[in-house]
PDB file of N, CA and C in Angstrom:
ATOM      1  N   MET A   1     108.062  18.894 125.425  1.00  0.00           N
ATOM      2  CA  MET A   1     108.248  20.301 125.691  1.00  0.00           C
ATOM      3  C   MET A   1     109.701  20.644 125.395  1.00  0.00           C
ATOM      4  N   SER A   2     109.932  21.739 124.707  1.00  0.00           N
ATOM      5  CA  SER A   2     111.300  22.189 124.464  1.00  0.00           C
ATOM      6  C   SER A   2     111.506  23.556 125.083  1.00  0.00           C
ATOM      7  N   ALA A   3     112.736  23.791 125.452  1.00  0.00           N
ATOM      8  CA  ALA A   3     113.093  25.091 126.012  1.00  0.00           C
ATOM      9  C   ALA A   3     113.557  26.001 124.876  1.00  0.00           C
ATOM     10  N   ILE A   4     113.131  27.226 124.932  1.00  0.00           N
ATOM     11  CA  ILE A   4     113.526  28.233 123.951  1.00  0.00           C
ATOM     12  C   ILE A   4     114.147  29.379 124.735  1.00  0.00           C
ATOM     13  N   LYS A   5     115.355  29.766 124.370  1.00  0.00           N
ATOM     14  CA  LYS A   5     116.009  30.861 125.083  1.00  0.00           C
ATOM     15  C   LYS A   5     115.513  32.201 124.571  1.00  0.00           C
ATOM     16  N   ALA A   6     115.374  33.124 125.516  1.00  0.00           N
ATOM     17  CA  ALA A   6     114.903  34.465 125.191  1.00  0.00           C
ATOM     18  C   ALA A   6     115.456  35.437 126.218  1.00  0.00           C
ATOM     19  N   HIS A   7     115.253  36.718 125.985  1.00  0.00           N
ATOM     20  CA  HIS A   7     115.637  37.744 126.947  1.00  0.00           C
ATOM     21  C   HIS A   7     114.586  38.852 126.903  1.00  0.00           C
ATOM     22  N   VAL A   8     114.657  39.760 127.833  1.00  0.00           N
ATOM     23  CA  VAL A   8     113.663  40.819 127.925  1.00  0.00           C
ATOM     24  C   VAL A   8     114.246  42.109 127.363  1.00  0.00           C
ATOM     25  N   VAL A   9     113.478  42.750 126.469  1.00  0.00           N
ATOM     26  CA  VAL A   9     113.846  44.032 125.879  1.00  0.00           C
ATOM     27  C   VAL A   9     112.670  44.980 126.089  1.00  0.00           C
ATOM     28  N   LYS A  10     112.909  46.036 126.846  1.00  0.00           N
ATOM     29  CA  LYS A  10     111.862  47.035 127.120  1.00  0.00           C
ATOM     30  C   LYS A  10     110.567  46.378 127.612  1.00  0.00           C
ATOM     31  N   GLY A  11     110.727  45.390 128.516  1.00  0.00           N
ATOM     32  CA  GLY A  11     109.573  44.757 129.133  1.00  0.00           C
ATOM     33  C   GLY A  11     108.905  43.672 128.300  1.00  0.00           C
ATOM     34  N   ARG A  12     109.468  43.328 127.152  1.00  0.00           N
ATOM     35  CA  ARG A  12     108.876  42.291 126.304  1.00  0.00           C
ATOM     36  C   ARG A  12     109.852  41.137 126.134  1.00  0.00           C
ATOM     37  N   ILE A  13     109.308  39.942 126.020  1.00  0.00           N
ATOM     38  CA  ILE A  13     110.121  38.750 125.824  1.00  0.00           C
ATOM     39  C   ILE A  13     110.472  38.643 124.346  1.00  0.00           C
ATOM     40  N   VAL A  14     111.781  38.554 124.062  1.00  0.00           N
ATOM     41  CA  VAL A  14     112.266  38.456 122.693  1.00  0.00           C
ATOM     42  C   VAL A  14     113.065  37.158 122.566  1.00  0.00           C
ATOM     43  N   LEU A  15     112.676  36.322 121.612  1.00  0.00           N
ATOM     44  CA  LEU A  15     113.365  35.048 121.417  1.00  0.00           C
ATOM     45  C   LEU A  15     114.769  35.291 120.876  1.00  0.00           C
ATOM     46  N   ASP A  16     115.722  34.478 121.328  1.00  0.00           N
ATOM     47  CA  ASP A  16     117.100  34.608 120.863  1.00  0.00           C
ATOM     48  C   ASP A  16     117.263  34.076 119.433  1.00  0.00           C
ATOM     49  N   GLU A  17     116.434  33.126 119.032  1.00  0.00           N
ATOM     50  CA  GLU A  17     116.480  32.566 117.687  1.00  0.00           C
ATOM     51  C   GLU A  17     115.060  32.417 117.168  1.00  0.00           C
ATOM     52  N   PRO A  18     114.876  32.496 115.863  1.00  0.00           N
ATOM     53  CA  PRO A  18     113.533  32.332 115.308  1.00  0.00           C
ATOM     54  C   PRO A  18     112.992  30.927 115.603  1.00  0.00           C
ATOM     55  N   VAL A  19     111.690  30.859 115.830  1.00  0.00           N
ATOM     56  CA  VAL A  19     111.022  29.590 116.105  1.00  0.00           C
ATOM     57  C   VAL A  19     109.758  29.552 115.262  1.00  0.00           C
ATOM     58  N   GLU A  20     109.537  28.420 114.584  1.00  0.00           N
ATOM     59  CA  GLU A  20     108.324  28.283 113.782  1.00  0.00           C
ATOM     60  C   GLU A  20     107.226  27.692 114.637  1.00  0.00           C
ATOM     61  N   LEU A  21     106.214  28.491 114.903  1.00  0.00           N
ATOM     62  CA  LEU A  21     105.044  28.046 115.663  1.00  0.00           C
ATOM     63  C   LEU A  21     103.803  28.424 114.869  1.00  0.00           C
ATOM     64  N   PRO A  22     102.760  27.605 114.957  1.00  0.00           N
ATOM     65  CA  PRO A  22     101.531  27.988 114.256  1.00  0.00           C
ATOM     66  C   PRO A  22     100.906  29.217 114.901  1.00  0.00           C
ATOM     67  N   GLU A  23     100.250  29.998 114.102  1.00  0.00           N
ATOM     68  CA  GLU A  23      99.571  31.199 114.599  1.00  0.00           C
ATOM     69  C   GLU A  23      98.606  30.822 115.710  1.00  0.00           C
ATOM     70  N   GLY A  24      98.661  31.530 116.820  1.00  0.00           N
ATOM     71  CA  GLY A  24      97.772  31.287 117.943  1.00  0.00           C
ATOM     72  C   GLY A  24      98.238  30.170 118.870  1.00  0.00           C
ATOM     73  N   ALA A  25      99.439  29.640 118.627  1.00  0.00           N
ATOM     74  CA  ALA A  25      99.952  28.563 119.475  1.00  0.00           C
ATOM     75  C   ALA A  25     100.090  29.069 120.912  1.00  0.00           C
ATOM     76  N   ALA A  26      99.682  28.238 121.854  1.00  0.00           N
ATOM     77  CA  ALA A  26      99.812  28.597 123.265  1.00  0.00           C
ATOM     78  C   ALA A  26     101.226  28.274 123.729  1.00  0.00           C
ATOM     79  N   VAL A  27     101.809  29.165 124.507  1.00  0.00           N
ATOM     80  CA  VAL A  27     103.134  28.939 125.074  1.00  0.00           C
ATOM     81  C   VAL A  27     103.091  29.267 126.561  1.00  0.00           C
ATOM     82  N   GLU A  28     103.965  28.612 127.328  1.00  0.00           N
ATOM     83  CA  GLU A  28     104.108  28.922 128.744  1.00  0.00           C
ATOM     84  C   GLU A  28     105.510  29.470 128.958  1.00  0.00           C
ATOM     85  N   VAL A  29     105.634  30.466 129.802  1.00  0.00           N
ATOM     86  CA  VAL A  29     106.927  31.065 130.084  1.00  0.00           C
ATOM     87  C   VAL A  29     107.262  30.823 131.543  1.00  0.00           C
ATOM     88  N   PHE A  30     108.438  30.251 131.786  1.00  0.00           N
ATOM     89  CA  PHE A  30     108.930  30.010 133.134  1.00  0.00           C
ATOM     90  C   PHE A  30     110.149  30.890 133.342  1.00  0.00           C
ATOM     91  N   LEU A  31     110.188  31.582 134.461  1.00  0.00           N
ATOM     92  CA  LEU A  31     111.331  32.431 134.741  1.00  0.00           C
ATOM     93  C   LEU A  31     112.466  31.594 135.294  1.00  0.00           C
ATOM     94  N   LEU A  32     113.646  31.813 134.792  1.00  0.00           N
ATOM     95  CA  LEU A  32     114.827  31.110 135.251  1.00  0.00           C
ATOM     96  C   LEU A  32     115.548  32.018 136.241  1.00  0.00           C
ATOM     97  N   VAL A  33     115.609  31.566 137.479  1.00  0.00           N
ATOM     98  CA  VAL A  33     116.277  32.341 138.514  1.00  0.00           C
ATOM     99  C   VAL A  33     117.687  31.794 138.651  1.00  0.00           C
ATOM    100  N   GLU A  34     118.664  32.635 138.472  1.00  0.00           N
ATOM    101  CA  GLU A  34     120.051  32.193 138.495  1.00  0.00           C
ATOM    102  C   GLU A  34     120.780  32.725 139.716  1.00  0.00           C
ATOM    103  N   ASP A  35     120.181  32.543 140.892  1.00  0.00           N
ATOM    104  CA  ASP A  35     120.818  32.988 142.125  1.00  0.00           C
ATOM    105  C   ASP A  35     121.939  32.034 142.498  1.00  0.00           C
ATOM    106  N   GLU A  36     123.072  32.573 142.824  1.00  0.00           N
ATOM    107  CA  GLU A  36     124.191  31.765 143.297  1.00  0.00           C
ATOM    108  C   GLU A  36     124.018  31.552 144.795  1.00  0.00           C
ATOM    109  N   PRO A  37     124.372  30.360 145.290  1.00  0.00           N
ATOM    110  CA  PRO A  37     124.274  30.144 146.735  1.00  0.00           C
ATOM    111  C   PRO A  37     125.319  30.976 147.475  1.00  0.00           C
ATOM    112  N   SER A  38     124.995  31.310 148.711  1.00  0.00           N
ATOM    113  CA  SER A  38     125.956  32.045 149.543  1.00  0.00           C
ATOM    114  C   SER A  38     127.109  31.100 149.876  1.00  0.00           C
ATOM    115  N   PRO A  39     128.244  31.632 150.325  1.00  0.00           N
ATOM    116  CA  PRO A  39     129.357  30.762 150.712  1.00  0.00           C
ATOM    117  C   PRO A  39     128.937  29.734 151.771  1.00  0.00           C
ATOM    118  N   ALA A  40     128.104  30.140 152.720  1.00  0.00           N
ATOM    119  CA  ALA A  40     127.653  29.211 153.761  1.00  0.00           C
ATOM    120  C   ALA A  40     126.777  28.114 153.160  1.00  0.00           C
ATOM    121  N   GLU A  41     125.857  28.483 152.238  1.00  0.00           N
ATOM    122  CA  GLU A  41     125.003  27.492 151.582  1.00  0.00           C
ATOM    123  C   GLU A  41     125.838  26.531 150.739  1.00  0.00           C
ATOM    124  N   ARG A  42     126.823  27.087 150.052  1.00  0.00           N
ATOM    125  CA  ARG A  42     127.705  26.247 149.216  1.00  0.00           C
ATOM    126  C   ARG A  42     128.478  25.250 150.085  1.00  0.00           C
ATOM    127  N   ALA A  43     128.997  25.718 151.221  1.00  0.00           N
ATOM    128  CA  ALA A  43     129.754  24.851 152.138  1.00  0.00           C
ATOM    129  C   ALA A  43     128.845  23.750 152.687  1.00  0.00           C
ATOM    130  N   GLU A  44     127.604  24.115 153.032  1.00  0.00           N
ATOM    131  CA  GLU A  44     126.653  23.127 153.551  1.00  0.00           C
ATOM    132  C   GLU A  44     126.348  22.070 152.487  1.00  0.00           C
ATOM    133  N   LEU A  45     126.157  22.496 151.246  1.00  0.00           N
ATOM    134  CA  LEU A  45     125.900  21.571 150.154  1.00  0.00           C
ATOM    135  C   LEU A  45     127.082  20.630 149.945  1.00  0.00           C
ATOM    136  N   GLU A  46     128.296  21.175 149.957  1.00  0.00           N
ATOM    137  CA  GLU A  46     129.486  20.350 149.765  1.00  0.00           C
ATOM    138  C   GLU A  46     129.655  19.335 150.895  1.00  0.00           C
ATOM    139  N   ARG A  47     129.346  19.749 152.136  1.00  0.00           N
ATOM    140  CA  ARG A  47     129.394  18.815 153.276  1.00  0.00           C
ATOM    141  C   ARG A  47     128.384  17.689 153.085  1.00  0.00           C
ATOM    142  N   ALA A  48     127.187  18.041 152.653  1.00  0.00           N
ATOM    143  CA  ALA A  48     126.143  17.041 152.453  1.00  0.00           C
ATOM    144  C   ALA A  48     126.535  16.053 151.354  1.00  0.00           C
ATOM    145  N   ILE A  49     127.149  16.550 150.296  1.00  0.00           N
ATOM    146  CA  ILE A  49     127.594  15.666 149.220  1.00  0.00           C
ATOM    147  C   ILE A  49     128.690  14.730 149.724  1.00  0.00           C
ATOM    148  N   GLU A  50     129.632  15.258 150.484  1.00  0.00           N
ATOM    149  CA  GLU A  50     130.702  14.431 151.044  1.00  0.00           C
ATOM    150  C   GLU A  50     130.139  13.380 152.000  1.00  0.00           C
ATOM    151  N   ASP A  51     129.176  13.787 152.854  1.00  0.00           N
ATOM    152  CA  ASP A  51     128.551  12.836 153.777  1.00  0.00           C
ATOM    153  C   ASP A  51     127.853  11.721 153.010  1.00  0.00           C
ATOM    154  N   GLY A  52     127.153  12.083 151.943  1.00  0.00           N
ATOM    155  CA  GLY A  52     126.455  11.087 151.133  1.00  0.00           C
ATOM    156  C   GLY A  52     127.424  10.129 150.463  1.00  0.00           C
ATOM    157  N   ALA A  53     128.537  10.656 149.976  1.00  0.00           N
ATOM    158  CA  ALA A  53     129.540   9.802 149.334  1.00  0.00           C
ATOM    159  C   ALA A  53     130.134   8.834 150.350  1.00  0.00           C
ATOM    160  N   GLU A  54     130.392   9.309 151.566  1.00  0.00           N
ATOM    161  CA  GLU A  54     130.918   8.445 152.622  1.00  0.00           C
ATOM    162  C   GLU A  54     129.906   7.361 152.984  1.00  0.00           C
ATOM    163  N   ASP A  55     128.627   7.723 153.082  1.00  0.00           N
ATOM    164  CA  ASP A  55     127.574   6.736 153.351  1.00  0.00           C
ATOM    165  C   ASP A  55     127.577   5.656 152.270  1.00  0.00           C
ATOM    166  N   PHE A  56     127.689   6.072 151.030  1.00  0.00           N
ATOM    167  CA  PHE A  56     127.667   5.129 149.912  1.00  0.00           C
ATOM    168  C   PHE A  56     128.849   4.164 150.001  1.00  0.00           C
ATOM    169  N   VAL A  57     130.040   4.684 150.277  1.00  0.00           N
ATOM    170  CA  VAL A  57     131.226   3.833 150.386  1.00  0.00           C
ATOM    171  C   VAL A  57     131.047   2.810 151.503  1.00  0.00           C
ATOM    172  N   ARG A  58     130.429   3.216 152.620  1.00  0.00           N
ATOM    173  CA  ARG A  58     130.186   2.306 153.747  1.00  0.00           C
ATOM    174  C   ARG A  58     129.063   1.316 153.468  1.00  0.00           C
ATOM    175  N   GLY A  59     128.306   1.556 152.397  1.00  0.00           N
ATOM    176  CA  GLY A  59     127.162   0.694 152.109  1.00  0.00           C
ATOM    177  C   GLY A  59     125.930   1.094 152.888  1.00  0.00           C
ATOM    178  N   ASP A  60     125.958   2.297 153.461  1.00  0.00           N
ATOM    179  CA  ASP A  60     124.854   2.802 154.282  1.00  0.00           C
ATOM    180  C   ASP A  60     123.881   3.586 153.407  1.00  0.00           C
ATOM    181  N   PHE A  61     123.115   2.846 152.598  1.00  0.00           N
ATOM    182  CA  PHE A  61     122.125   3.481 151.739  1.00  0.00           C
ATOM    183  C   PHE A  61     121.039   2.472 151.430  1.00  0.00           C
ATOM    184  N   VAL A  62     119.935   2.945 150.884  1.00  0.00           N
ATOM    185  CA  VAL A  62     118.814   2.081 150.507  1.00  0.00           C
ATOM    186  C   VAL A  62     118.673   2.148 148.994  1.00  0.00           C
ATOM    187  N   ASP A  63     118.514   0.995 148.382  1.00  0.00           N
ATOM    188  CA  ASP A  63     118.295   0.940 146.944  1.00  0.00           C
ATOM    189  C   ASP A  63     117.031   1.731 146.595  1.00  0.00           C
ATOM    190  N   ALA A  64     117.110   2.604 145.613  1.00  0.00           N
ATOM    191  CA  ALA A  64     115.986   3.484 145.259  1.00  0.00           C
ATOM    192  C   ALA A  64     114.756   2.691 144.831  1.00  0.00           C
ATOM    193  N   ARG A  65     114.953   1.623 144.074  1.00  0.00           N
ATOM    194  CA  ARG A  65     113.804   0.826 143.618  1.00  0.00           C
ATOM    195  C   ARG A  65     113.111   0.172 144.808  1.00  0.00           C
ATOM    196  N   GLU A  66     113.908  -0.417 145.712  1.00  0.00           N
ATOM    197  CA  GLU A  66     113.319  -1.042 146.897  1.00  0.00           C
ATOM    198  C   GLU A  66     112.574  -0.015 147.741  1.00  0.00           C
ATOM    199  N   PHE A  67     113.153   1.158 147.907  1.00  0.00           N
ATOM    200  CA  PHE A  67     112.520   2.219 148.682  1.00  0.00           C
ATOM    201  C   PHE A  67     111.185   2.621 148.054  1.00  0.00           C
ATOM    202  N   ALA A  68     111.183   2.794 146.727  1.00  0.00           N
ATOM    203  CA  ALA A  68     109.949   3.188 146.036  1.00  0.00           C
ATOM    204  C   ALA A  68     108.879   2.114 146.175  1.00  0.00           C
ATOM    205  N   LEU A  69     109.283   0.843 146.072  1.00  0.00           N
ATOM    206  CA  LEU A  69     108.316  -0.239 146.219  1.00  0.00           C
ATOM    207  C   LEU A  69     107.728  -0.272 147.635  1.00  0.00           C
ATOM    208  N   ARG A  70     108.584  -0.042 148.637  1.00  0.00           N
ATOM    209  CA  ARG A  70     108.074   0.004 150.015  1.00  0.00           C
ATOM    210  C   ARG A  70     107.120   1.180 150.220  1.00  0.00           C
ATOM    211  N   LEU A  71     107.463   2.303 149.635  1.00  0.00           N
ATOM    212  CA  LEU A  71     106.596   3.481 149.741  1.00  0.00           C
ATOM    213  C   LEU A  71     105.242   3.218 149.077  1.00  0.00           C
ATOM    214  N   ALA A  72     105.262   2.598 147.909  1.00  0.00           N
ATOM    215  CA  ALA A  72     104.027   2.323 147.186  1.00  0.00           C
ATOM    216  C   ALA A  72     103.152   1.320 147.914  1.00  0.00           C
ATOM    217  N   ALA A  73     103.760   0.452 148.725  1.00  0.00           N
ATOM    218  CA  ALA A  73     103.007  -0.573 149.437  1.00  0.00           C
ATOM    219  C   ALA A  73     102.333  -0.045 150.695  1.00  0.00           C
ATOM    220  N   LYS A  74     102.762   1.121 151.166  1.00  0.00           N
ATOM    221  CA  LYS A  74     102.160   1.683 152.401  1.00  0.00           C
ATOM    222  C   LYS A  74     100.739   2.164 152.118  1.00  0.00           C
ATOM    223  N   PRO A  75      99.830   1.938 153.100  1.00  0.00           N
ATOM    224  CA  PRO A  75      98.431   2.384 152.902  1.00  0.00           C
ATOM    225  C   PRO A  75      98.296   3.885 152.956  1.00  0.00           C
TER     226      PRO A  75
END
């Protein structure tokens, strides 16, 4: 799947660049929401990133592969 950039003109989707597609080709359109986080949300995210980095430095984390294997083994 490739992303194609476009914009809306008078309620219609217009591609930013020409694309060669066969006649009748099916396409799916996903809306890209570009909401910026509020200052409080941004601060919370930055705190969480800092906490995670501190956990990593302390060695307080679980290897992702081991975690996935344990999850897959559960009934």
